[in-house]
Amino acid sequence: VRGARRNRGIGTRLLRFLESTTAKPLLVGTWATAFWAIAFYEKHGY
């Protein structure tokens, strides 16, 4: 999400939308030091 538009629910809406398009398990890879990305996905049950 563009830096100026972060923390406004855009990532959540995109994630929930993509989740709704598949019945398959979803995997996400990210950098181990990207604590904010890890926290985002954990907040959404990952």
ModelCIF file with pLDDT and N, C-alpha, C, O atoms, coordinates in Angstrom:
data_MODEL
#
_entry.id   MODEL 
#
_entity.id                         1 
_entity.type                       polymer 
_entity.pdbx_number_of_molecules   1 
#
_entity_poly.entity_id                      1 
_entity_poly.type                           'polypeptide(L)' 
_entity_poly.nstd_linkage                   no 
_entity_poly.nstd_monomer                   no 
_entity_poly.pdbx_seq_one_letter_code       VRGARRNRGIGTRLLRFLESTTAKPLLVGTWATAFWAIAFYEKHGY 
_entity_poly.pdbx_seq_one_letter_code_can   VRGARRNRGIGTRLLRFLESTTAKPLLVGTWATAFWAIAFYEKHGY 
_entity_poly.pdbx_strand_id                 A 
#
loop_
_entity_poly_seq.entity_id 
_entity_poly_seq.num 
_entity_poly_seq.mon_id 
_entity_poly_seq.hetero 
1 1  VAL n 
1 2  ARG n 
1 3  GLY n 
1 4  ALA n 
1 5  ARG n 
1 6  ARG n 
1 7  ASN n 
1 8  ARG n 
1 9  GLY n 
1 10 ILE n 
1 11 GLY n 
1 12 THR n 
1 13 ARG n 
1 14 LEU n 
1 15 LEU n 
1 16 ARG n 
1 17 PHE n 
1 18 LEU n 
1 19 GLU n 
1 20 SER n 
1 21 THR n 
1 22 THR n 
1 23 ALA n 
1 24 LYS n 
1 25 PRO n 
1 26 LEU n 
1 27 LEU n 
1 28 VAL n 
1 29 GLY n 
1 30 THR n 
1 31 TRP n 
1 32 ALA n 
1 33 THR n 
1 34 ALA n 
1 35 PHE n 
1 36 TRP n 
1 37 ALA n 
1 38 ILE n 
1 39 ALA n 
1 40 PHE n 
1 41 TYR n 
1 42 GLU n 
1 43 LYS n 
1 44 HIS n 
1 45 GLY n 
1 46 TYR n 
#
_struct_asym.id          A 
_struct_asym.entity_id   1 
#
loop_
_ma_qa_metric.id 
_ma_qa_metric.mode 
_ma_qa_metric.name 
_ma_qa_metric.software_group_id 
_ma_qa_metric.type 
1 global pLDDT . pLDDT 
2 local  pLDDT . pLDDT 
#
_ma_qa_metric_global.metric_id      1 
_ma_qa_metric_global.metric_value   94.41 
_ma_qa_metric_global.model_id       1 
_ma_qa_metric_global.ordinal_id     1 
#
loop_
_ma_qa_metric_local.label_asym_id 
_ma_qa_metric_local.label_comp_id 
_ma_qa_metric_local.label_seq_id 
_ma_qa_metric_local.metric_id 
_ma_qa_metric_local.metric_value 
_ma_qa_metric_local.model_id 
_ma_qa_metric_local.ordinal_id 
A VAL 1  2 95.00 1 1  
A ARG 2  2 92.00 1 2  
A GLY 3  2 83.00 1 3  
A ALA 4  2 81.00 1 4  
A ARG 5  2 82.00 1 5  
A ARG 6  2 84.00 1 6  
A ASN 7  2 84.00 1 7  
A ARG 8  2 91.00 1 8  
A GLY 9  2 92.00 1 9  
A ILE 10 2 97.00 1 10 
A GLY 11 2 96.00 1 11 
A THR 12 2 97.00 1 12 
A ARG 13 2 97.00 1 13 
A LEU 14 2 98.00 1 14 
A LEU 15 2 97.00 1 15 
A ARG 16 2 97.00 1 16 
A PHE 17 2 97.00 1 17 
A LEU 18 2 97.00 1 18 
A GLU 19 2 96.00 1 19 
A SER 20 2 96.00 1 20 
A THR 21 2 96.00 1 21 
A THR 22 2 95.00 1 22 
A ALA 23 2 94.00 1 23 
A LYS 24 2 95.00 1 24 
A PRO 25 2 96.00 1 25 
A LEU 26 2 97.00 1 26 
A LEU 27 2 98.00 1 27 
A VAL 28 2 98.00 1 28 
A GLY 29 2 97.00 1 29 
A THR 30 2 96.00 1 30 
A TRP 31 2 95.00 1 31 
A ALA 32 2 95.00 1 32 
A THR 33 2 95.00 1 33 
A ALA 34 2 94.00 1 34 
A PHE 35 2 95.00 1 35 
A TRP 36 2 94.00 1 36 
A ALA 37 2 95.00 1 37 
A ILE 38 2 97.00 1 38 
A ALA 39 2 96.00 1 39 
A PHE 40 2 97.00 1 40 
A TYR 41 2 97.00 1 41 
A GLU 42 2 97.00 1 42 
A LYS 43 2 96.00 1 43 
A HIS 44 2 96.00 1 44 
A GLY 45 2 96.00 1 45 
A TYR 46 2 97.00 1 46 
#
loop_
_atom_site.group_PDB 
_atom_site.id 
_atom_site.type_symbol 
_atom_site.label_atom_id 
_atom_site.label_alt_id 
_atom_site.label_comp_id 
_atom_site.label_asym_id 
_atom_site.label_entity_id 
_atom_site.label_seq_id 
_atom_site.pdbx_PDB_ins_code 
_atom_site.Cartn_x 
_atom_site.Cartn_y 
_atom_site.Cartn_z 
_atom_site.occupancy 
_atom_site.B_iso_or_equiv 
_atom_site.pdbx_formal_charge 
_atom_site.auth_seq_id 
_atom_site.auth_comp_id 
_atom_site.auth_asym_id 
_atom_site.auth_atom_id 
_atom_site.pdbx_PDB_model_num 
ATOM 1   N N  . VAL A 1 1  ? 0.875   -1.176  0.000  1.00 95.00 ? 1  VAL A N  1 
ATOM 2   C CA . VAL A 1 1  ? 0.000   0.000   0.000  1.00 95.00 ? 1  VAL A CA 1 
ATOM 3   C C  . VAL A 1 1  ? 0.910   1.222   0.000  1.00 95.00 ? 1  VAL A C  1 
ATOM 4   O O  . VAL A 1 1  ? 1.908   1.266   0.720  1.00 95.00 ? 1  VAL A O  1 
ATOM 5   N N  . ARG A 1 2  ? 0.557   2.211   -0.812 1.00 92.00 ? 2  ARG A N  1 
ATOM 6   C CA . ARG A 1 2  ? 1.362   3.444   -0.847 1.00 92.00 ? 2  ARG A CA 1 
ATOM 7   C C  . ARG A 1 2  ? 1.589   3.950   0.569  1.00 92.00 ? 2  ARG A C  1 
ATOM 8   O O  . ARG A 1 2  ? 0.692   3.906   1.411  1.00 92.00 ? 2  ARG A O  1 
ATOM 9   N N  . GLY A 1 3  ? 2.801   4.431   0.817  1.00 83.00 ? 3  GLY A N  1 
ATOM 10  C CA . GLY A 1 3  ? 3.163   4.903   2.151  1.00 83.00 ? 3  GLY A CA 1 
ATOM 11  C C  . GLY A 1 3  ? 2.179   5.903   2.726  1.00 83.00 ? 3  GLY A C  1 
ATOM 12  O O  . GLY A 1 3  ? 1.859   5.846   3.913  1.00 83.00 ? 3  GLY A O  1 
ATOM 13  N N  . ALA A 1 4  ? 1.699   6.808   1.904  1.00 81.00 ? 4  ALA A N  1 
ATOM 14  C CA . ALA A 1 4  ? 0.785   7.852   2.376  1.00 81.00 ? 4  ALA A CA 1 
ATOM 15  C C  . ALA A 1 4  ? -0.613  7.312   2.695  1.00 81.00 ? 4  ALA A C  1 
ATOM 16  O O  . ALA A 1 4  ? -1.416  8.015   3.308  1.00 81.00 ? 4  ALA A O  1 
ATOM 17  N N  . ARG A 1 5  ? -0.914  6.078   2.290  1.00 82.00 ? 5  ARG A N  1 
ATOM 18  C CA . ARG A 1 5  ? -2.257  5.519   2.488  1.00 82.00 ? 5  ARG A CA 1 
ATOM 19  C C  . ARG A 1 5  ? -2.277  4.339   3.460  1.00 82.00 ? 5  ARG A C  1 
ATOM 20  O O  . ARG A 1 5  ? -3.306  3.680   3.610  1.00 82.00 ? 5  ARG A O  1 
ATOM 21  N N  . ARG A 1 6  ? -1.148  4.068   4.120  1.00 84.00 ? 6  ARG A N  1 
ATOM 22  C CA . ARG A 1 6  ? -1.076  2.939   5.054  1.00 84.00 ? 6  ARG A CA 1 
ATOM 23  C C  . ARG A 1 6  ? -1.949  3.154   6.278  1.00 84.00 ? 6  ARG A C  1 
ATOM 24  O O  . ARG A 1 6  ? -2.328  4.273   6.623  1.00 84.00 ? 6  ARG A O  1 
ATOM 25  N N  . ASN A 1 7  ? -2.251  2.033   6.920  1.00 84.00 ? 7  ASN A N  1 
ATOM 26  C CA . ASN A 1 7  ? -3.010  2.019   8.186  1.00 84.00 ? 7  ASN A CA 1 
ATOM 27  C C  . ASN A 1 7  ? -4.417  2.580   8.039  1.00 84.00 ? 7  ASN A C  1 
ATOM 28  O O  . ASN A 1 7  ? -4.939  3.227   8.947  1.00 84.00 ? 7  ASN A O  1 
ATOM 29  N N  . ARG A 1 8  ? -5.018  2.327   6.894  1.00 91.00 ? 8  ARG A N  1 
ATOM 30  C CA . ARG A 1 8  ? -6.399  2.777   6.654  1.00 91.00 ? 8  ARG A CA 1 
ATOM 31  C C  . ARG A 1 8  ? -7.296  1.621   6.214  1.00 91.00 ? 8  ARG A C  1 
ATOM 32  O O  . ARG A 1 8  ? -8.391  1.843   5.699  1.00 91.00 ? 8  ARG A O  1 
ATOM 33  N N  . GLY A 1 9  ? -6.831  0.391   6.417  1.00 92.00 ? 9  GLY A N  1 
ATOM 34  C CA . GLY A 1 9  ? -7.649  -0.777  6.102  1.00 92.00 ? 9  GLY A CA 1 
ATOM 35  C C  . GLY A 1 9  ? -7.556  -1.288  4.680  1.00 92.00 ? 9  GLY A C  1 
ATOM 36  O O  . GLY A 1 9  ? -8.254  -2.236  4.322  1.00 92.00 ? 9  GLY A O  1 
ATOM 37  N N  . ILE A 1 10 ? -6.718  -0.688  3.868  1.00 97.00 ? 10 ILE A N  1 
ATOM 38  C CA . ILE A 1 10 ? -6.612  -1.095  2.457  1.00 97.00 ? 10 ILE A CA 1 
ATOM 39  C C  . ILE A 1 10 ? -6.026  -2.497  2.335  1.00 97.00 ? 10 ILE A C  1 
ATOM 40  O O  . ILE A 1 10 ? -6.537  -3.316  1.570  1.00 97.00 ? 10 ILE A O  1 
ATOM 41  N N  . GLY A 1 11 ? -4.980  -2.777  3.066  1.00 96.00 ? 11 GLY A N  1 
ATOM 42  C CA . GLY A 1 11 ? -4.379  -4.111  3.038  1.00 96.00 ? 11 GLY A CA 1 
ATOM 43  C C  . GLY A 1 11 ? -5.353  -5.174  3.512  1.00 96.00 ? 11 GLY A C  1 
ATOM 44  O O  . GLY A 1 11 ? -5.430  -6.260  2.937  1.00 96.00 ? 11 GLY A O  1 
ATOM 45  N N  . THR A 1 12 ? -6.095  -4.859  4.562  1.00 97.00 ? 12 THR A N  1 
ATOM 46  C CA . THR A 1 12 ? -7.095  -5.801  5.071  1.00 97.00 ? 12 THR A CA 1 
ATOM 47  C C  . THR A 1 12 ? -8.157  -6.086  4.017  1.00 97.00 ? 12 THR A C  1 
ATOM 48  O O  . THR A 1 12 ? -8.527  -7.241  3.807  1.00 97.00 ? 12 THR A O  1 
ATOM 49  N N  . ARG A 1 13 ? -8.646  -5.053  3.357  1.00 97.00 ? 13 ARG A N  1 
ATOM 50  C CA . ARG A 1 13 ? -9.677  -5.254  2.322  1.00 97.00 ? 13 ARG A CA 1 
ATOM 51  C C  . ARG A 1 13 ? -9.140  -6.107  1.172  1.00 97.00 ? 13 ARG A C  1 
ATOM 52  O O  . ARG A 1 13 ? -9.832  -6.994  0.674  1.00 97.00 ? 13 ARG A O  1 
ATOM 53  N N  . LEU A 1 14 ? -7.902  -5.832  0.754  1.00 98.00 ? 14 LEU A N  1 
ATOM 54  C CA . LEU A 1 14 ? -7.306  -6.631  -0.318 1.00 98.00 ? 14 LEU A CA 1 
ATOM 55  C C  . LEU A 1 14 ? -7.137  -8.084  0.119  1.00 98.00 ? 14 LEU A C  1 
ATOM 56  O O  . LEU A 1 14 ? -7.470  -8.999  -0.635 1.00 98.00 ? 14 LEU A O  1 
ATOM 57  N N  . LEU A 1 15 ? -6.628  -8.302  1.315  1.00 97.00 ? 15 LEU A N  1 
ATOM 58  C CA . LEU A 1 15 ? -6.423  -9.664  1.805  1.00 97.00 ? 15 LEU A CA 1 
ATOM 59  C C  . LEU A 1 15 ? -7.746  -10.415 1.887  1.00 97.00 ? 15 LEU A C  1 
ATOM 60  O O  . LEU A 1 15 ? -7.842  -11.548 1.414  1.00 97.00 ? 15 LEU A O  1 
ATOM 61  N N  . ARG A 1 16 ? -8.759  -9.805  2.477  1.00 97.00 ? 16 ARG A N  1 
ATOM 62  C CA . ARG A 1 16 ? -10.067 -10.467 2.618  1.00 97.00 ? 16 ARG A CA 1 
ATOM 63  C C  . ARG A 1 16 ? -10.669 -10.759 1.246  1.00 97.00 ? 16 ARG A C  1 
ATOM 64  O O  . ARG A 1 16 ? -11.295 -11.801 1.049  1.00 97.00 ? 16 ARG A O  1 
ATOM 65  N N  . PHE A 1 17 ? -10.484 -9.847  0.306  1.00 97.00 ? 17 PHE A N  1 
ATOM 66  C CA . PHE A 1 17 ? -10.991 -10.086 -1.041 1.00 97.00 ? 17 PHE A CA 1 
ATOM 67  C C  . PHE A 1 17 ? -10.306 -11.299 -1.659 1.00 97.00 ? 17 PHE A C  1 
ATOM 68  O O  . PHE A 1 17 ? -10.981 -12.188 -2.177 1.00 97.00 ? 17 PHE A O  1 
ATOM 69  N N  . LEU A 1 18 ? -8.977  -11.349 -1.612 1.00 97.00 ? 18 LEU A N  1 
ATOM 70  C CA . LEU A 1 18 ? -8.262  -12.480 -2.213 1.00 97.00 ? 18 LEU A CA 1 
ATOM 71  C C  . LEU A 1 18 ? -8.617  -13.785 -1.512 1.00 97.00 ? 18 LEU A C  1 
ATOM 72  O O  . LEU A 1 18 ? -8.756  -14.820 -2.163 1.00 97.00 ? 18 LEU A O  1 
ATOM 73  N N  . GLU A 1 19 ? -8.765  -13.744 -0.193 1.00 96.00 ? 19 GLU A N  1 
ATOM 74  C CA . GLU A 1 19 ? -9.178  -14.952 0.535  1.00 96.00 ? 19 GLU A CA 1 
ATOM 75  C C  . GLU A 1 19 ? -10.522 -15.467 0.014  1.00 96.00 ? 19 GLU A C  1 
ATOM 76  O O  . GLU A 1 19 ? -10.744 -16.676 -0.055 1.00 96.00 ? 19 GLU A O  1 
ATOM 77  N N  . SER A 1 20 ? -11.412 -14.546 -0.353 1.00 96.00 ? 20 SER A N  1 
ATOM 78  C CA . SER A 1 20 ? -12.748 -14.940 -0.808 1.00 96.00 ? 20 SER A CA 1 
ATOM 79  C C  . SER A 1 20 ? -12.745 -15.556 -2.203 1.00 96.00 ? 20 SER A C  1 
ATOM 80  O O  . SER A 1 20 ? -13.755 -16.110 -2.635 1.00 96.00 ? 20 SER A O  1 
ATOM 81  N N  . THR A 1 21 ? -11.624 -15.466 -2.909 1.00 96.00 ? 21 THR A N  1 
ATOM 82  C CA . THR A 1 21 ? -11.581 -15.969 -4.282 1.00 96.00 ? 21 THR A CA 1 
ATOM 83  C C  . THR A 1 21 ? -11.059 -17.397 -4.396 1.00 96.00 ? 21 THR A C  1 
ATOM 84  O O  . THR A 1 21 ? -11.015 -17.949 -5.495 1.00 96.00 ? 21 THR A O  1 
ATOM 85  N N  . THR A 1 22 ? -10.662 -18.005 -3.274 1.00 95.00 ? 22 THR A N  1 
ATOM 86  C CA . THR A 1 22 ? -10.107 -19.348 -3.330 1.00 95.00 ? 22 THR A CA 1 
ATOM 87  C C  . THR A 1 22 ? -10.499 -20.150 -2.097 1.00 95.00 ? 22 THR A C  1 
ATOM 88  O O  . THR A 1 22 ? -10.685 -19.599 -1.012 1.00 95.00 ? 22 THR A O  1 
ATOM 89  N N  . ALA A 1 23 ? -10.620 -21.452 -2.281 1.00 94.00 ? 23 ALA A N  1 
ATOM 90  C CA . ALA A 1 23 ? -10.850 -22.355 -1.158 1.00 94.00 ? 23 ALA A CA 1 
ATOM 91  C C  . ALA A 1 23 ? -9.535  -23.002 -0.719 1.00 94.00 ? 23 ALA A C  1 
ATOM 92  O O  . ALA A 1 23 ? -9.494  -23.737 0.268  1.00 94.00 ? 23 ALA A O  1 
ATOM 93  N N  . LYS A 1 24 ? -8.479  -22.724 -1.453 1.00 95.00 ? 24 LYS A N  1 
ATOM 94  C CA . LYS A 1 24 ? -7.176  -23.323 -1.150 1.00 95.00 ? 24 LYS A CA 1 
ATOM 95  C C  . LYS A 1 24 ? -6.549  -22.656 0.065  1.00 95.00 ? 24 LYS A C  1 
ATOM 96  O O  . LYS A 1 24 ? -6.839  -21.498 0.364  1.00 95.00 ? 24 LYS A O  1 
ATOM 97  N N  . PRO A 1 25 ? -5.689  -23.391 0.765  1.00 96.00 ? 25 PRO A N  1 
ATOM 98  C CA . PRO A 1 25 ? -4.911  -22.747 1.827  1.00 96.00 ? 25 PRO A CA 1 
ATOM 99  C C  . PRO A 1 25 ? -4.034  -21.657 1.216  1.00 96.00 ? 25 PRO A C  1 
ATOM 100 O O  . PRO A 1 25 ? -3.544  -21.792 0.095  1.00 96.00 ? 25 PRO A O  1 
ATOM 101 N N  . LEU A 1 26 ? -3.845  -20.572 1.975  1.00 97.00 ? 26 LEU A N  1 
ATOM 102 C CA . LEU A 1 26 ? -3.000  -19.470 1.529  1.00 97.00 ? 26 LEU A CA 1 
ATOM 103 C C  . LEU A 1 26 ? -1.723  -19.441 2.342  1.00 97.00 ? 26 LEU A C  1 
ATOM 104 O O  . LEU A 1 26 ? -1.735  -19.651 3.555  1.00 97.00 ? 26 LEU A O  1 
ATOM 105 N N  . LEU A 1 27 ? -0.627  -19.180 1.661  1.00 98.00 ? 27 LEU A N  1 
ATOM 106 C CA . LEU A 1 27 ? 0.671   -19.003 2.310  1.00 98.00 ? 27 LEU A CA 1 
ATOM 107 C C  . LEU A 1 27 ? 1.196   -17.624 1.963  1.00 98.00 ? 27 LEU A C  1 
ATOM 108 O O  . LEU A 1 27 ? 0.974   -17.110 0.867  1.00 98.00 ? 27 LEU A O  1 
ATOM 109 N N  . VAL A 1 28 ? 1.896   -17.038 2.921  1.00 98.00 ? 28 VAL A N  1 
ATOM 110 C CA . VAL A 1 28 ? 2.511   -15.732 2.738  1.00 98.00 ? 28 VAL A CA 1 
ATOM 111 C C  . VAL A 1 28 ? 3.967   -15.851 3.156  1.00 98.00 ? 28 VAL A C  1 
ATOM 112 O O  . VAL A 1 28 ? 4.268   -16.349 4.240  1.00 98.00 ? 28 VAL A O  1 
ATOM 113 N N  . GLY A 1 29 ? 4.862   -15.399 2.304  1.00 97.00 ? 29 GLY A N  1 
ATOM 114 C CA . GLY A 1 29 ? 6.270   -15.305 2.664  1.00 97.00 ? 29 GLY A CA 1 
ATOM 115 C C  . GLY A 1 29 ? 6.635   -13.845 2.823  1.00 97.00 ? 29 GLY A C  1 
ATOM 116 O O  . GLY A 1 29 ? 6.226   -13.002 2.025  1.00 97.00 ? 29 GLY A O  1 
ATOM 117 N N  . THR A 1 30 ? 7.403   -13.552 3.851  1.00 96.00 ? 30 THR A N  1 
ATOM 118 C CA . THR A 1 30 ? 7.873   -12.186 4.037  1.00 96.00 ? 30 THR A CA 1 
ATOM 119 C C  . THR A 1 30 ? 9.225   -12.227 4.750  1.00 96.00 ? 30 THR A C  1 
ATOM 120 O O  . THR A 1 30 ? 9.677   -13.278 5.204  1.00 96.00 ? 30 THR A O  1 
ATOM 121 N N  . TRP A 1 31 ? 9.841   -11.082 4.833  1.00 95.00 ? 31 TRP A N  1 
ATOM 122 C CA . TRP A 1 31 ? 11.136  -10.973 5.501  1.00 95.00 ? 31 TRP A CA 1 
ATOM 123 C C  . TRP A 1 31 ? 10.963  -11.201 7.005  1.00 95.00 ? 31 TRP A C  1 
ATOM 124 O O  . TRP A 1 31 ? 10.010  -10.704 7.605  1.00 95.00 ? 31 TRP A O  1 
ATOM 125 N N  . ALA A 1 32 ? 11.871  -11.940 7.601  1.00 95.00 ? 32 ALA A N  1 
ATOM 126 C CA . ALA A 1 32 ? 11.803  -12.223 9.039  1.00 95.00 ? 32 ALA A CA 1 
ATOM 127 C C  . ALA A 1 32 ? 11.898  -10.958 9.877  1.00 95.00 ? 32 ALA A C  1 
ATOM 128 O O  . ALA A 1 32 ? 11.397  -10.927 11.001 1.00 95.00 ? 32 ALA A O  1 
ATOM 129 N N  . THR A 1 33 ? 12.528  -9.919  9.353  1.00 95.00 ? 33 THR A N  1 
ATOM 130 C CA . THR A 1 33 ? 12.684  -8.663  10.101 1.00 95.00 ? 33 THR A CA 1 
ATOM 131 C C  . THR A 1 33 ? 11.565  -7.659  9.832  1.00 95.00 ? 33 THR A C  1 
ATOM 132 O O  . THR A 1 33 ? 11.557  -6.571  10.409 1.00 95.00 ? 33 THR A O  1 
ATOM 133 N N  . ALA A 1 34 ? 10.626  -8.015  8.964  1.00 94.00 ? 34 ALA A N  1 
ATOM 134 C CA . ALA A 1 34 ? 9.506   -7.119  8.650  1.00 94.00 ? 34 ALA A CA 1 
ATOM 135 C C  . ALA A 1 34 ? 8.398   -7.350  9.684  1.00 94.00 ? 34 ALA A C  1 
ATOM 136 O O  . ALA A 1 34 ? 7.343   -7.900  9.369  1.00 94.00 ? 34 ALA A O  1 
ATOM 137 N N  . PHE A 1 35 ? 8.654   -6.926  10.906 1.00 95.00 ? 35 PHE A N  1 
ATOM 138 C CA . PHE A 1 35 ? 7.755   -7.182  12.030 1.00 95.00 ? 35 PHE A CA 1 
ATOM 139 C C  . PHE A 1 35 ? 6.337   -6.681  11.768 1.00 95.00 ? 35 PHE A C  1 
ATOM 140 O O  . PHE A 1 35 ? 5.372   -7.307  12.206 1.00 95.00 ? 35 PHE A O  1 
ATOM 141 N N  . TRP A 1 36 ? 6.198   -5.556  11.057 1.00 94.00 ? 36 TRP A N  1 
ATOM 142 C CA . TRP A 1 36 ? 4.866   -5.003  10.781 1.00 94.00 ? 36 TRP A CA 1 
ATOM 143 C C  . TRP A 1 36 ? 4.076   -5.905  9.838  1.00 94.00 ? 36 TRP A C  1 
ATOM 144 O O  . TRP A 1 36 ? 2.862   -6.047  9.989  1.00 94.00 ? 36 TRP A O  1 
ATOM 145 N N  . ALA A 1 37 ? 4.755   -6.516  8.862  1.00 95.00 ? 37 ALA A N  1 
ATOM 146 C CA . ALA A 1 37 ? 4.073   -7.419  7.937  1.00 95.00 ? 37 ALA A CA 1 
ATOM 147 C C  . ALA A 1 37 ? 3.639   -8.695  8.666  1.00 95.00 ? 37 ALA A C  1 
ATOM 148 O O  . ALA A 1 37 ? 2.518   -9.171  8.485  1.00 95.00 ? 37 ALA A O  1 
ATOM 149 N N  . ILE A 1 38 ? 4.525   -9.234  9.478  1.00 97.00 ? 38 ILE A N  1 
ATOM 150 C CA . ILE A 1 38 ? 4.193   -10.431 10.253 1.00 97.00 ? 38 ILE A CA 1 
ATOM 151 C C  . ILE A 1 38 ? 3.000   -10.133 11.165 1.00 97.00 ? 38 ILE A C  1 
ATOM 152 O O  . ILE A 1 38 ? 2.062   -10.926 11.236 1.00 97.00 ? 38 ILE A O  1 
ATOM 153 N N  . ALA A 1 39 ? 3.032   -9.008  11.852 1.00 96.00 ? 39 ALA A N  1 
ATOM 154 C CA . ALA A 1 39 ? 1.935   -8.631  12.757 1.00 96.00 ? 39 ALA A CA 1 
ATOM 155 C C  . ALA A 1 39 ? 0.625   -8.468  11.993 1.00 96.00 ? 39 ALA A C  1 
ATOM 156 O O  . ALA A 1 39 ? -0.432  -8.850  12.494 1.00 96.00 ? 39 ALA A O  1 
ATOM 157 N N  . PHE A 1 40 ? 0.685   -7.907  10.789 1.00 97.00 ? 40 PHE A N  1 
ATOM 158 C CA . PHE A 1 40 ? -0.518  -7.730  9.967  1.00 97.00 ? 40 PHE A CA 1 
ATOM 159 C C  . PHE A 1 40 ? -1.177  -9.083  9.709  1.00 97.00 ? 40 PHE A C  1 
ATOM 160 O O  . PHE A 1 40 ? -2.376  -9.244  9.934  1.00 97.00 ? 40 PHE A O  1 
ATOM 161 N N  . TYR A 1 41 ? -0.405  -10.043 9.242  1.00 97.00 ? 41 TYR A N  1 
ATOM 162 C CA . TYR A 1 41 ? -0.981  -11.349 8.920  1.00 97.00 ? 41 TYR A CA 1 
ATOM 163 C C  . TYR A 1 41 ? -1.429  -12.087 10.176 1.00 97.00 ? 41 TYR A C  1 
ATOM 164 O O  . TYR A 1 41 ? -2.478  -12.731 10.164 1.00 97.00 ? 41 TYR A O  1 
ATOM 165 N N  . GLU A 1 42 ? -0.666  -12.009 11.248 1.00 97.00 ? 42 GLU A N  1 
ATOM 166 C CA . GLU A 1 42 ? -1.084  -12.652 12.499 1.00 97.00 ? 42 GLU A CA 1 
ATOM 167 C C  . GLU A 1 42 ? -2.398  -12.052 13.009 1.00 97.00 ? 42 GLU A C  1 
ATOM 168 O O  . GLU A 1 42 ? -3.253  -12.776 13.519 1.00 97.00 ? 42 GLU A O  1 
ATOM 169 N N  . LYS A 1 43 ? -2.560  -10.752 12.874 1.00 96.00 ? 43 LYS A N  1 
ATOM 170 C CA . LYS A 1 43 ? -3.804  -10.083 13.271 1.00 96.00 ? 43 LYS A CA 1 
ATOM 171 C C  . LYS A 1 43 ? -4.999  -10.646 12.503 1.00 96.00 ? 43 LYS A C  1 
ATOM 172 O O  . LYS A 1 43 ? -6.128  -10.630 12.993 1.00 96.00 ? 43 LYS A O  1 
ATOM 173 N N  . HIS A 1 44 ? -4.737  -11.138 11.306 1.00 96.00 ? 44 HIS A N  1 
ATOM 174 C CA . HIS A 1 44 ? -5.801  -11.693 10.467 1.00 96.00 ? 44 HIS A CA 1 
ATOM 175 C C  . HIS A 1 44 ? -5.869  -13.218 10.549 1.00 96.00 ? 44 HIS A C  1 
ATOM 176 O O  . HIS A 1 44 ? -6.456  -13.867 9.683  1.00 96.00 ? 44 HIS A O  1 
ATOM 177 N N  . GLY A 1 45 ? -5.267  -13.780 11.590 1.00 96.00 ? 45 GLY A N  1 
ATOM 178 C CA . GLY A 1 45 ? -5.401  -15.209 11.859 1.00 96.00 ? 45 GLY A CA 1 
ATOM 179 C C  . GLY A 1 45 ? -4.359  -16.111 11.242 1.00 96.00 ? 45 GLY A C  1 
ATOM 180 O O  . GLY A 1 45 ? -4.435  -17.329 11.404 1.00 96.00 ? 45 GLY A O  1 
ATOM 181 N N  . TYR A 1 46 ? -3.391  -15.557 10.541 1.00 97.00 ? 46 TYR A N  1 
ATOM 182 C CA . TYR A 1 46 ? -2.338  -16.376 9.933  1.00 97.00 ? 46 TYR A CA 1 
ATOM 183 C C  . TYR A 1 46 ? -1.348  -16.805 11.009 1.00 97.00 ? 46 TYR A C  1 
ATOM 184 O O  . TYR A 1 46 ? -0.379  -17.504 10.713 1.00 97.00 ? 46 TYR A O  1 
#
